[in-house]
Amino acid sequence: MSTYKLTYFNGRGRAELTRLVFAQAGVEYTDERLTGEEWPARKPHTPFGVLPVLEVDGKQLGGSLVMARYVAEKHGVAGSNDFENAIIASILDAVADLMTAIYSLMFEKDETKKPEKQKALEEQTIPTALANFEKFAAGNKDGWLVGSKATYGDFGVYLVLDHITATTPTVLDKYPALSQLKKNVESLPNIAKWIQTRPQTPF
């Protein structure tokens, strides 16, 4: 059995997808959370100078989506075949694009640019992404985005939905299949336990 250590800051952020995969699979790992003061000394020793980093038997793996896929495929939380895995990867590419737009607004320092970015996000970027995700969820009678079981693709979309509904609770009223998907993920026993017991952080 491999040993795992996931290193990130004390937040959900880009590491939470892999944490959800570990939780669903019931796999033990070290959840290392660095402070801002600790990070500069560790940065040169990471693959790409960014977090998260996953260590597998002492070997480092960078890239948040890559590490989530690696753990999912190793422990039964990926698709049932190569084509399902390709669809999941395409969905998570769209999730990454959406989160990039959200982070761009969150970390925008120029206050004069924020209103325009927020307008584009709320009126174009988010509705377009949710409509696309809704098609996958509504088209699968099993209650998941791809295939007949929960996968890390569902968890990736769930994290976006959880982030958006935290500030706009009614946003899923127009997307019933996504609303149900969120409930389905939160109803998984291992995921429910993780959500209840994980460190409470602002992001």
Protein backbone atom coordinates (compact mmCIF):
# COMPACT_ATOMS: atom_id res chain seq x y z
CA MET A 1 0.00 0.00 0.00
CA SER A 2 1.38 3.38 -0.98
CA THR A 3 1.84 6.18 1.52
CA TYR A 4 0.53 9.64 0.66
CA LYS A 5 1.20 13.16 1.86
CA LEU A 6 -0.79 16.07 0.48
CA THR A 7 0.75 19.49 1.09
CA TYR A 8 -1.19 22.72 0.74
CA PHE A 9 -2.12 25.77 2.78
CA ASN A 10 -4.74 25.71 5.53
CA GLY A 11 -7.68 25.99 3.18
CA ARG A 12 -9.79 23.96 0.79
CA GLY A 13 -8.71 25.67 -2.44
CA ARG A 14 -6.96 23.57 -5.06
CA ALA A 15 -6.28 20.67 -2.70
CA GLU A 16 -9.86 19.92 -1.72
CA LEU A 17 -10.64 17.83 -4.79
CA THR A 18 -7.90 15.36 -3.90
CA ARG A 19 -9.01 15.38 -0.26
CA LEU A 20 -12.54 14.44 -1.36
CA VAL A 21 -11.15 11.59 -3.46
CA PHE A 22 -9.15 10.31 -0.48
CA ALA A 23 -12.25 10.59 1.70
CA GLN A 24 -14.51 8.73 -0.72
CA ALA A 25 -11.92 5.98 -1.22
CA GLY A 26 -11.30 5.64 2.51
CA VAL A 27 -7.56 6.02 1.98
CA GLU A 28 -5.37 7.39 4.76
CA TYR A 29 -2.94 10.21 3.99
CA THR A 30 -1.02 12.98 5.71
CA ASP A 31 -2.85 16.30 5.29
CA GLU A 32 0.01 18.78 5.65
CA ARG A 33 -1.10 22.42 5.87
CA LEU A 34 1.60 25.07 5.58
CA THR A 35 1.48 28.60 6.93
CA GLY A 36 2.42 31.55 4.77
CA GLU A 37 5.63 31.86 6.77
CA GLU A 38 6.62 28.25 6.09
CA TRP A 39 5.97 28.38 2.35
CA PRO A 40 9.00 30.37 1.04
CA ALA A 41 11.47 27.81 2.38
CA ARG A 42 9.50 24.93 0.87
CA LYS A 43 8.76 26.53 -2.50
CA PRO A 44 12.13 25.72 -4.19
CA HIS A 45 11.65 22.06 -3.32
CA THR A 46 8.34 21.64 -5.15
CA PRO A 47 7.98 20.51 -8.79
CA PHE A 48 6.55 23.79 -10.14
CA GLY A 49 6.90 26.27 -7.29
CA VAL A 50 3.21 26.07 -6.40
CA LEU A 51 0.93 24.08 -4.13
CA PRO A 52 -0.66 21.58 -3.78
CA VAL A 53 1.92 18.83 -4.01
CA LEU A 54 1.18 15.15 -3.53
CA GLU A 55 3.92 12.83 -2.34
CA VAL A 56 3.48 9.17 -3.26
CA ASP A 57 5.98 6.98 -1.43
CA GLY A 58 8.23 10.01 -1.16
CA LYS A 59 7.98 11.00 -4.84
CA GLN A 60 6.42 14.37 -5.64
CA LEU A 61 3.56 14.99 -8.02
CA GLY A 62 2.38 18.49 -8.92
CA GLY A 63 -0.78 19.73 -10.62
CA SER A 64 -4.04 19.68 -8.68
CA LEU A 65 -6.11 17.95 -11.37
CA VAL A 66 -3.37 15.44 -12.17
CA MET A 67 -3.00 14.35 -8.56
CA ALA A 68 -6.76 14.04 -8.10
CA ARG A 69 -6.98 11.88 -11.22
CA TYR A 70 -4.03 9.75 -10.09
CA VAL A 71 -5.57 8.98 -6.71
CA ALA A 72 -9.04 8.49 -8.24
CA GLU A 73 -7.78 5.99 -10.80
CA LYS A 74 -5.74 4.12 -8.20
CA HIS A 75 -8.63 3.82 -5.75
CA GLY A 76 -11.83 3.37 -7.75
CA VAL A 77 -13.13 6.95 -7.85
CA ALA A 78 -12.56 7.47 -11.58
CA GLY A 79 -14.59 6.41 -14.59
CA SER A 80 -15.20 2.81 -15.57
CA ASN A 81 -13.33 3.06 -18.87
CA ASP A 82 -10.98 5.30 -20.83
CA PHE A 83 -13.79 7.23 -22.55
CA GLU A 84 -15.52 8.00 -19.26
CA ASN A 85 -12.19 9.21 -17.89
CA ALA A 86 -11.75 11.45 -20.93
CA ILE A 87 -15.20 12.99 -20.38
CA ILE A 88 -14.40 13.55 -16.70
CA ALA A 89 -11.14 15.25 -17.68
CA SER A 90 -13.00 17.52 -20.10
CA ILE A 91 -15.51 18.48 -17.41
CA LEU A 92 -12.71 19.31 -14.99
CA ASP A 93 -11.03 21.45 -17.65
CA ALA A 94 -14.24 23.48 -17.72
CA VAL A 95 -14.27 23.60 -13.92
CA ALA A 96 -10.69 24.91 -13.95
CA ASP A 97 -11.63 27.62 -16.46
CA LEU A 98 -14.55 28.70 -14.30
CA MET A 99 -12.47 28.77 -11.12
CA THR A 100 -9.77 30.78 -12.89
CA ALA A 101 -12.38 33.42 -13.70
CA ILE A 102 -13.66 33.38 -10.11
CA TYR A 103 -10.16 33.70 -8.68
CA SER A 104 -9.40 36.51 -11.11
CA LEU A 105 -12.21 38.52 -9.55
CA MET A 106 -11.34 37.53 -5.99
CA PHE A 107 -7.72 38.62 -6.29
CA GLU A 108 -8.21 41.66 -8.53
CA LYS A 109 -6.41 44.58 -6.86
CA ASP A 110 -7.68 47.28 -9.18
CA GLU A 111 -11.05 48.27 -7.72
CA THR A 112 -12.06 49.97 -10.98
CA LYS A 113 -11.92 46.64 -12.83
CA LYS A 114 -13.95 44.63 -10.32
CA PRO A 115 -17.47 45.74 -11.37
CA GLU A 116 -16.88 44.80 -15.00
CA LYS A 117 -15.35 41.45 -14.06
CA GLN A 118 -18.18 40.67 -11.65
CA LYS A 119 -20.81 41.55 -14.25
CA ALA A 120 -19.18 39.24 -16.83
CA LEU A 121 -18.88 36.47 -14.27
CA GLU A 122 -22.48 36.66 -13.07
CA GLU A 123 -24.14 37.27 -16.43
CA GLN A 124 -21.99 35.18 -18.78
CA THR A 125 -19.28 32.94 -17.34
CA ILE A 126 -21.16 31.26 -14.49
CA PRO A 127 -24.51 30.75 -16.31
CA THR A 128 -22.74 29.28 -19.35
CA ALA A 129 -20.70 26.87 -17.24
CA LEU A 130 -23.66 25.79 -15.12
CA ALA A 131 -25.80 25.20 -18.20
CA ASN A 132 -23.10 22.96 -19.63
CA PHE A 133 -22.71 21.01 -16.40
CA GLU A 134 -26.50 20.72 -16.15
CA LYS A 135 -26.60 18.93 -19.51
CA PHE A 136 -24.26 16.22 -18.22
CA ALA A 137 -26.16 15.80 -14.96
CA ALA A 138 -29.61 15.81 -16.57
CA GLY A 139 -28.50 13.36 -19.24
CA ASN A 140 -27.44 10.69 -16.76
CA LYS A 141 -30.28 8.87 -15.02
CA ASP A 142 -27.93 7.48 -12.37
CA GLY A 143 -27.58 10.83 -10.61
CA TRP A 144 -23.96 11.48 -11.52
CA LEU A 145 -22.22 13.36 -14.31
CA VAL A 146 -20.58 10.33 -15.91
CA GLY A 147 -21.32 6.64 -15.50
CA SER A 148 -23.18 4.83 -12.75
CA LYS A 149 -21.14 5.86 -9.70
CA ALA A 150 -19.66 8.93 -8.05
CA THR A 151 -16.35 10.00 -9.55
CA TYR A 152 -13.85 12.75 -8.97
CA GLY A 153 -15.57 14.64 -11.79
CA ASP A 154 -18.68 14.94 -9.61
CA PHE A 155 -16.52 16.19 -6.77
CA GLY A 156 -14.89 18.84 -8.95
CA VAL A 157 -18.25 20.24 -10.04
CA TYR A 158 -19.56 19.92 -6.49
CA LEU A 159 -16.76 22.16 -5.19
CA VAL A 160 -17.68 24.86 -7.70
CA LEU A 161 -21.36 24.60 -6.77
CA ASP A 162 -20.52 24.74 -3.08
CA HIS A 163 -18.42 27.86 -3.63
CA ILE A 164 -21.05 29.67 -5.69
CA THR A 165 -24.05 28.76 -3.52
CA ALA A 166 -22.23 30.01 -0.42
CA THR A 167 -22.76 33.56 -1.66
CA THR A 168 -25.74 33.02 -3.99
CA PRO A 169 -27.95 30.30 -2.43
CA THR A 170 -30.62 30.44 -5.14
CA VAL A 171 -28.27 30.11 -8.11
CA LEU A 172 -29.17 26.44 -8.64
CA ASP A 173 -32.92 27.07 -8.86
CA LYS A 174 -32.58 27.05 -12.65
CA TYR A 175 -30.46 23.90 -12.64
CA PRO A 176 -32.40 21.09 -10.93
CA ALA A 177 -30.06 18.30 -12.00
CA LEU A 178 -27.06 20.14 -10.56
CA SER A 179 -28.99 20.84 -7.38
CA GLN A 180 -29.64 17.11 -7.06
CA LEU A 181 -26.01 16.29 -7.88
CA LYS A 182 -24.85 18.52 -5.02
CA LYS A 183 -27.20 16.70 -2.65
CA ASN A 184 -26.04 13.32 -3.96
CA VAL A 185 -22.39 14.15 -3.28
CA GLU A 186 -23.14 15.49 0.19
CA SER A 187 -25.14 12.32 0.95
CA LEU A 188 -22.20 9.98 0.34
CA PRO A 189 -21.30 8.70 3.84
CA ASN A 190 -17.55 9.20 3.52
CA ILE A 191 -17.95 12.66 1.98
CA ALA A 192 -20.51 13.70 4.61
CA LYS A 193 -18.10 12.63 7.35
CA TRP A 194 -15.23 14.60 5.81
CA ILE A 195 -17.34 17.74 5.43
CA GLN A 196 -18.40 17.50 9.07
CA THR A 197 -14.91 16.86 10.48
CA ARG A 198 -12.52 18.77 8.20
CA PRO A 199 -10.83 21.94 9.49
CA GLN A 200 -13.11 24.97 9.14
CA THR A 201 -11.33 27.48 6.93
CA PRO A 202 -12.38 30.69 5.13
CA PHE A 203 -11.48 29.41 1.66
